[in-house]
Amino acid sequence: MVYILIGFVSGIVSGTGMGGGTILIFLLTFLMGVEQHIAQGINLIFFIPASLASIFVNIKNNNLSLKNGIIISIFGILGAINGANISLNMDVNILKKSFGIFLILITINEIYSIIKQNKKAKNKQ
């Protein structure tokens, strides 16, 4: 039941375009005790259908630039191959710490963006 809930929450976050895989990996490792490499592999399986569903919804709403998406996808595939090879050769503890640092940087960026938007909105008033 917990895996169903984790998948549902990750799907919602993924559908909004905010990186459901980040939430998925965190929940699998933190709540379920899944090893980091396994959680990342599960994330890859999760990503394909979640992405396809989001793509179909966004195509329906005319929210896609196929040209840019294809270019980014090609280089994303190349980066994913390199990243997968790097992570497979990393110690699990280093991988966990790297992922934690990544999450902290995302959090700092999001907080900074919110503060910046609030300041901009106050200046307009």
N, C-alpha and C. Protein backbone atom coordinates (compact mmCIF):
# COMPACT_ATOMS: atom_id res chain seq x y z
N MET A 1 0.82 -1.20 0.00
CA MET A 1 0.00 0.00 0.00
C MET A 1 0.86 1.27 0.00
N VAL A 2 1.98 1.22 0.72
CA VAL A 2 2.86 2.37 0.79
C VAL A 2 3.46 2.66 -0.59
N TYR A 3 3.82 1.60 -1.32
CA TYR A 3 4.38 1.80 -2.66
C TYR A 3 3.35 2.45 -3.59
N ILE A 4 2.09 2.08 -3.44
CA ILE A 4 1.03 2.68 -4.25
C ILE A 4 0.93 4.17 -3.94
N LEU A 5 0.96 4.53 -2.67
CA LEU A 5 0.89 5.94 -2.25
C LEU A 5 2.10 6.72 -2.75
N ILE A 6 3.29 6.12 -2.63
CA ILE A 6 4.51 6.77 -3.12
C ILE A 6 4.42 7.02 -4.62
N GLY A 7 3.95 6.02 -5.37
CA GLY A 7 3.80 6.18 -6.81
C GLY A 7 2.80 7.25 -7.18
N PHE A 8 1.69 7.30 -6.43
CA PHE A 8 0.65 8.30 -6.70
C PHE A 8 1.17 9.71 -6.45
N VAL A 9 1.81 9.92 -5.32
CA VAL A 9 2.35 11.25 -4.98
C VAL A 9 3.42 11.65 -5.99
N SER A 10 4.31 10.73 -6.32
CA SER A 10 5.35 11.03 -7.30
C SER A 10 4.76 11.34 -8.66
N GLY A 11 3.68 10.64 -9.03
CA GLY A 11 3.01 10.90 -10.30
C GLY A 11 2.41 12.29 -10.36
N ILE A 12 1.80 12.72 -9.26
CA ILE A 12 1.22 14.07 -9.21
C ILE A 12 2.32 15.11 -9.38
N VAL A 13 3.40 14.95 -8.65
CA VAL A 13 4.50 15.92 -8.74
C VAL A 13 5.12 15.88 -10.14
N SER A 14 5.26 14.69 -10.69
CA SER A 14 5.81 14.55 -12.04
C SER A 14 4.91 15.20 -13.07
N GLY A 15 3.61 15.05 -12.93
CA GLY A 15 2.65 15.63 -13.86
C GLY A 15 2.68 17.14 -13.87
N THR A 16 3.11 17.74 -12.77
CA THR A 16 3.21 19.20 -12.72
C THR A 16 4.53 19.69 -13.32
N GLY A 17 5.42 18.75 -13.65
CA GLY A 17 6.70 19.13 -14.26
C GLY A 17 7.77 19.49 -13.26
N MET A 18 7.57 19.13 -11.99
CA MET A 18 8.52 19.53 -10.95
C MET A 18 9.48 18.42 -10.53
N GLY A 19 9.52 17.32 -11.22
CA GLY A 19 10.49 16.29 -10.89
C GLY A 19 9.97 15.26 -9.90
N GLY A 20 9.00 14.50 -10.31
CA GLY A 20 8.44 13.46 -9.45
C GLY A 20 9.46 12.42 -9.06
N GLY A 21 10.47 12.22 -9.92
CA GLY A 21 11.51 11.25 -9.62
C GLY A 21 12.32 11.63 -8.39
N THR A 22 12.52 12.91 -8.19
CA THR A 22 13.25 13.38 -7.01
C THR A 22 12.50 12.98 -5.75
N ILE A 23 11.19 13.19 -5.76
CA ILE A 23 10.36 12.80 -4.62
C ILE A 23 10.36 11.28 -4.48
N LEU A 24 10.24 10.57 -5.60
CA LEU A 24 10.19 9.12 -5.59
C LEU A 24 11.45 8.53 -4.97
N ILE A 25 12.61 8.99 -5.41
CA ILE A 25 13.87 8.46 -4.86
C ILE A 25 13.98 8.76 -3.38
N PHE A 26 13.63 9.97 -2.99
CA PHE A 26 13.68 10.33 -1.56
C PHE A 26 12.77 9.43 -0.74
N LEU A 27 11.52 9.25 -1.17
CA LEU A 27 10.57 8.44 -0.41
C LEU A 27 10.98 6.98 -0.35
N LEU A 28 11.48 6.45 -1.46
CA LEU A 28 11.90 5.04 -1.46
C LEU A 28 13.08 4.80 -0.54
N THR A 29 14.05 5.71 -0.56
CA THR A 29 15.24 5.51 0.28
C THR A 29 14.96 5.84 1.74
N PHE A 30 14.24 6.91 1.98
CA PHE A 30 14.00 7.38 3.35
C PHE A 30 12.92 6.56 4.06
N LEU A 31 11.78 6.38 3.42
CA LEU A 31 10.67 5.68 4.07
C LEU A 31 10.75 4.16 3.96
N MET A 32 11.19 3.68 2.80
CA MET A 32 11.15 2.24 2.56
C MET A 32 12.50 1.54 2.72
N GLY A 33 13.56 2.32 2.88
CA GLY A 33 14.88 1.73 3.08
C GLY A 33 15.46 1.07 1.83
N VAL A 34 14.99 1.47 0.67
CA VAL A 34 15.49 0.92 -0.59
C VAL A 34 16.88 1.50 -0.86
N GLU A 35 17.79 0.65 -1.31
CA GLU A 35 19.15 1.11 -1.62
C GLU A 35 19.10 2.16 -2.74
N GLN A 36 19.99 3.13 -2.67
CA GLN A 36 20.00 4.27 -3.60
C GLN A 36 20.03 3.83 -5.07
N HIS A 37 20.90 2.89 -5.41
CA HIS A 37 20.98 2.44 -6.81
C HIS A 37 19.66 1.82 -7.27
N ILE A 38 19.03 1.06 -6.40
CA ILE A 38 17.75 0.42 -6.75
C ILE A 38 16.66 1.48 -6.90
N ALA A 39 16.65 2.46 -5.99
CA ALA A 39 15.65 3.54 -6.07
C ALA A 39 15.80 4.31 -7.37
N GLN A 40 17.03 4.54 -7.79
CA GLN A 40 17.25 5.25 -9.05
C GLN A 40 16.78 4.41 -10.23
N GLY A 41 16.99 3.10 -10.17
CA GLY A 41 16.49 2.22 -11.22
C GLY A 41 14.97 2.20 -11.28
N ILE A 42 14.33 2.15 -10.12
CA ILE A 42 12.86 2.21 -10.06
C ILE A 42 12.38 3.52 -10.64
N ASN A 43 13.10 4.60 -10.34
CA ASN A 43 12.74 5.91 -10.87
C ASN A 43 12.75 5.91 -12.40
N LEU A 44 13.71 5.23 -12.98
CA LEU A 44 13.80 5.18 -14.45
C LEU A 44 12.59 4.45 -15.03
N ILE A 45 12.17 3.37 -14.38
CA ILE A 45 10.98 2.65 -14.85
C ILE A 45 9.74 3.53 -14.68
N PHE A 46 9.64 4.23 -13.55
CA PHE A 46 8.52 5.12 -13.25
C PHE A 46 8.44 6.27 -14.25
N PHE A 47 9.60 6.76 -14.65
CA PHE A 47 9.69 7.96 -15.46
C PHE A 47 9.03 7.81 -16.83
N ILE A 48 9.18 6.65 -17.44
CA ILE A 48 8.68 6.48 -18.81
C ILE A 48 7.16 6.65 -18.90
N PRO A 49 6.35 5.88 -18.16
CA PRO A 49 4.90 6.08 -18.29
C PRO A 49 4.42 7.43 -17.75
N ALA A 50 5.07 7.91 -16.69
CA ALA A 50 4.67 9.21 -16.14
C ALA A 50 4.95 10.32 -17.16
N SER A 51 6.07 10.23 -17.85
CA SER A 51 6.41 11.22 -18.87
C SER A 51 5.46 11.15 -20.05
N LEU A 52 5.16 9.94 -20.48
CA LEU A 52 4.24 9.78 -21.61
C LEU A 52 2.87 10.38 -21.30
N ALA A 53 2.38 10.13 -20.09
CA ALA A 53 1.08 10.69 -19.71
C ALA A 53 1.13 12.22 -19.73
N SER A 54 2.20 12.78 -19.19
CA SER A 54 2.35 14.24 -19.17
C SER A 54 2.49 14.79 -20.59
N ILE A 55 3.21 14.08 -21.43
CA ILE A 55 3.38 14.53 -22.82
C ILE A 55 2.02 14.59 -23.52
N PHE A 56 1.21 13.54 -23.38
CA PHE A 56 -0.10 13.53 -24.04
C PHE A 56 -1.00 14.66 -23.56
N VAL A 57 -0.99 14.93 -22.26
CA VAL A 57 -1.81 16.03 -21.72
C VAL A 57 -1.32 17.36 -22.28
N ASN A 58 0.00 17.55 -22.32
CA ASN A 58 0.54 18.82 -22.80
C ASN A 58 0.40 18.98 -24.31
N ILE A 59 0.45 17.89 -25.07
CA ILE A 59 0.17 17.99 -26.51
C ILE A 59 -1.27 18.42 -26.71
N LYS A 60 -2.17 17.83 -25.96
CA LYS A 60 -3.59 18.17 -26.05
C LYS A 60 -3.82 19.66 -25.78
N ASN A 61 -3.06 20.23 -24.87
CA ASN A 61 -3.21 21.64 -24.49
C ASN A 61 -2.26 22.56 -25.24
N ASN A 62 -1.59 22.06 -26.27
CA ASN A 62 -0.64 22.85 -27.07
C ASN A 62 0.44 23.54 -26.24
N ASN A 63 1.02 22.81 -25.30
CA ASN A 63 2.05 23.36 -24.43
C ASN A 63 3.44 22.82 -24.72
N LEU A 64 3.66 22.30 -25.92
CA LEU A 64 4.96 21.71 -26.22
C LEU A 64 5.61 22.38 -27.42
N SER A 65 6.92 22.48 -27.35
CA SER A 65 7.73 22.87 -28.50
C SER A 65 8.49 21.60 -28.90
N LEU A 66 7.97 20.90 -29.91
CA LEU A 66 8.57 19.63 -30.29
C LEU A 66 10.02 19.77 -30.72
N LYS A 67 10.34 20.84 -31.45
CA LYS A 67 11.72 21.04 -31.91
C LYS A 67 12.68 21.12 -30.72
N ASN A 68 12.39 21.97 -29.77
CA ASN A 68 13.26 22.10 -28.59
C ASN A 68 13.26 20.81 -27.76
N GLY A 69 12.09 20.18 -27.67
CA GLY A 69 12.00 18.94 -26.90
C GLY A 69 12.86 17.84 -27.49
N ILE A 70 12.88 17.74 -28.80
CA ILE A 70 13.70 16.70 -29.46
C ILE A 70 15.18 16.97 -29.26
N ILE A 71 15.59 18.23 -29.41
CA ILE A 71 17.01 18.58 -29.21
C ILE A 71 17.43 18.27 -27.78
N ILE A 72 16.64 18.70 -26.83
CA ILE A 72 16.96 18.45 -25.42
C ILE A 72 16.96 16.96 -25.12
N SER A 73 16.02 16.23 -25.71
CA SER A 73 15.93 14.78 -25.47
C SER A 73 17.17 14.04 -25.97
N ILE A 74 17.65 14.41 -27.14
CA ILE A 74 18.84 13.76 -27.70
C ILE A 74 20.02 13.92 -26.76
N PHE A 75 20.25 15.15 -26.31
CA PHE A 75 21.38 15.38 -25.42
C PHE A 75 21.10 14.86 -24.01
N GLY A 76 19.83 14.82 -23.63
CA GLY A 76 19.46 14.22 -22.35
C GLY A 76 19.75 12.73 -22.33
N ILE A 77 19.51 12.05 -23.45
CA ILE A 77 19.82 10.62 -23.54
C ILE A 77 21.33 10.39 -23.41
N LEU A 78 22.11 11.22 -24.11
CA LEU A 78 23.57 11.10 -23.99
C LEU A 78 24.03 11.35 -22.56
N GLY A 79 23.47 12.36 -21.93
CA GLY A 79 23.81 12.65 -20.53
C GLY A 79 23.37 11.53 -19.60
N ALA A 80 22.21 10.94 -19.86
CA ALA A 80 21.70 9.86 -19.02
C ALA A 80 22.61 8.63 -19.11
N ILE A 81 23.10 8.33 -20.30
CA ILE A 81 24.02 7.19 -20.45
C ILE A 81 25.28 7.42 -19.63
N ASN A 82 25.83 8.63 -19.75
CA ASN A 82 27.04 8.95 -18.97
C ASN A 82 26.76 8.96 -17.48
N GLY A 83 25.64 9.57 -17.08
CA GLY A 83 25.29 9.62 -15.66
C GLY A 83 25.06 8.25 -15.06
N ALA A 84 24.40 7.35 -15.82
CA ALA A 84 24.16 5.99 -15.33
C ALA A 84 25.49 5.26 -15.13
N ASN A 85 26.40 5.40 -16.07
CA ASN A 85 27.70 4.76 -15.93
C ASN A 85 28.48 5.32 -14.74
N ILE A 86 28.40 6.62 -14.54
CA ILE A 86 29.08 7.23 -13.39
C ILE A 86 28.48 6.72 -12.08
N SER A 87 27.15 6.72 -11.98
CA SER A 87 26.51 6.32 -10.72
C SER A 87 26.74 4.85 -10.40
N LEU A 88 26.81 4.00 -11.42
CA LEU A 88 27.06 2.57 -11.18
C LEU A 88 28.45 2.33 -10.60
N ASN A 89 29.37 3.22 -10.88
CA ASN A 89 30.73 3.07 -10.39
C ASN A 89 30.99 3.85 -9.10
N MET A 90 29.95 4.49 -8.56
CA MET A 90 30.10 5.27 -7.34
C MET A 90 29.72 4.44 -6.11
N ASP A 91 30.37 4.73 -5.01
CA ASP A 91 29.98 4.14 -3.74
C ASP A 91 28.59 4.66 -3.37
N VAL A 92 27.77 3.79 -2.78
CA VAL A 92 26.39 4.17 -2.44
C VAL A 92 26.35 5.37 -1.50
N ASN A 93 27.26 5.44 -0.54
CA ASN A 93 27.26 6.57 0.40
C ASN A 93 27.57 7.89 -0.30
N ILE A 94 28.50 7.86 -1.23
CA ILE A 94 28.80 9.08 -1.99
C ILE A 94 27.61 9.46 -2.86
N LEU A 95 26.96 8.47 -3.46
CA LEU A 95 25.79 8.72 -4.28
C LEU A 95 24.67 9.34 -3.45
N LYS A 96 24.44 8.81 -2.25
CA LYS A 96 23.41 9.38 -1.37
C LYS A 96 23.73 10.82 -0.98
N LYS A 97 24.99 11.07 -0.64
CA LYS A 97 25.39 12.43 -0.27
C LYS A 97 25.26 13.39 -1.45
N SER A 98 25.64 12.93 -2.62
CA SER A 98 25.51 13.77 -3.83
C SER A 98 24.05 14.10 -4.09
N PHE A 99 23.18 13.10 -3.95
CA PHE A 99 21.76 13.32 -4.14
C PHE A 99 21.21 14.30 -3.09
N GLY A 100 21.66 14.16 -1.85
CA GLY A 100 21.24 15.07 -0.79
C GLY A 100 21.66 16.51 -1.07
N ILE A 101 22.89 16.68 -1.52
CA ILE A 101 23.38 18.02 -1.88
C ILE A 101 22.55 18.59 -3.02
N PHE A 102 22.24 17.75 -4.01
CA PHE A 102 21.39 18.17 -5.13
C PHE A 102 20.04 18.66 -4.62
N LEU A 103 19.42 17.92 -3.70
CA LEU A 103 18.13 18.33 -3.14
C LEU A 103 18.23 19.65 -2.38
N ILE A 104 19.30 19.82 -1.64
CA ILE A 104 19.51 21.07 -0.90
C ILE A 104 19.64 22.25 -1.87
N LEU A 105 20.40 22.07 -2.94
CA LEU A 105 20.56 23.14 -3.93
C LEU A 105 19.24 23.49 -4.60
N ILE A 106 18.43 22.48 -4.92
CA ILE A 106 17.11 22.74 -5.50
C ILE A 106 16.26 23.52 -4.51
N THR A 107 16.29 23.13 -3.25
CA THR A 107 15.51 23.83 -2.22
C THR A 107 15.94 25.28 -2.09
N ILE A 108 17.23 25.52 -2.05
CA ILE A 108 17.74 26.90 -1.95
C ILE A 108 17.28 27.71 -3.16
N ASN A 109 17.37 27.14 -4.34
CA ASN A 109 16.94 27.83 -5.55
C ASN A 109 15.44 28.15 -5.50
N GLU A 110 14.63 27.22 -5.06
CA GLU A 110 13.19 27.45 -4.99
C GLU A 110 12.85 28.55 -3.97
N ILE A 111 13.50 28.51 -2.82
CA ILE A 111 13.26 29.54 -1.80
C ILE A 111 13.68 30.91 -2.34
N TYR A 112 14.84 30.96 -3.00
CA TYR A 112 15.31 32.22 -3.59
C TYR A 112 14.31 32.73 -4.63
N SER A 113 13.78 31.84 -5.45
CA SER A 113 12.80 32.24 -6.48
C SER A 113 11.53 32.80 -5.86
N ILE A 114 11.08 32.18 -4.79
CA ILE A 114 9.87 32.66 -4.10
C ILE A 114 10.11 34.04 -3.49
N ILE A 115 11.25 34.21 -2.84
CA ILE A 115 11.58 35.51 -2.24
C ILE A 115 11.66 36.59 -3.33
N LYS A 116 12.31 36.25 -4.45
CA LYS A 116 12.46 37.18 -5.57
C LYS A 116 11.08 37.57 -6.13
N GLN A 117 10.18 36.60 -6.30
CA GLN A 117 8.83 36.89 -6.80
C GLN A 117 8.06 37.78 -5.83
N ASN A 118 8.19 37.51 -4.55
CA ASN A 118 7.49 38.32 -3.54
C ASN A 118 8.00 39.76 -3.54
N LYS A 119 9.30 39.95 -3.67
CA LYS A 119 9.85 41.29 -3.72
C LYS A 119 9.37 42.03 -4.97
N LYS A 120 9.32 41.32 -6.09
CA LYS A 120 8.87 41.90 -7.35
C LYS A 120 7.40 42.32 -7.24
N ALA A 121 6.60 41.47 -6.60
CA ALA A 121 5.16 41.78 -6.44
C ALA A 121 4.96 42.98 -5.51
N LYS A 122 5.76 43.09 -4.46
CA LYS A 122 5.66 44.23 -3.55
C LYS A 122 6.08 45.53 -4.22
N ASN A 123 7.10 45.46 -5.08
CA ASN A 123 7.55 46.65 -5.78
C ASN A 123 6.52 47.16 -6.78
N LYS A 124 5.70 46.27 -7.34
CA LYS A 124 4.66 46.66 -8.28
C LYS A 124 3.49 47.35 -7.57
N GLN A 125 3.33 47.09 -6.30
CA GLN A 125 2.21 47.69 -5.55
C GLN A 125 2.56 49.06 -5.15
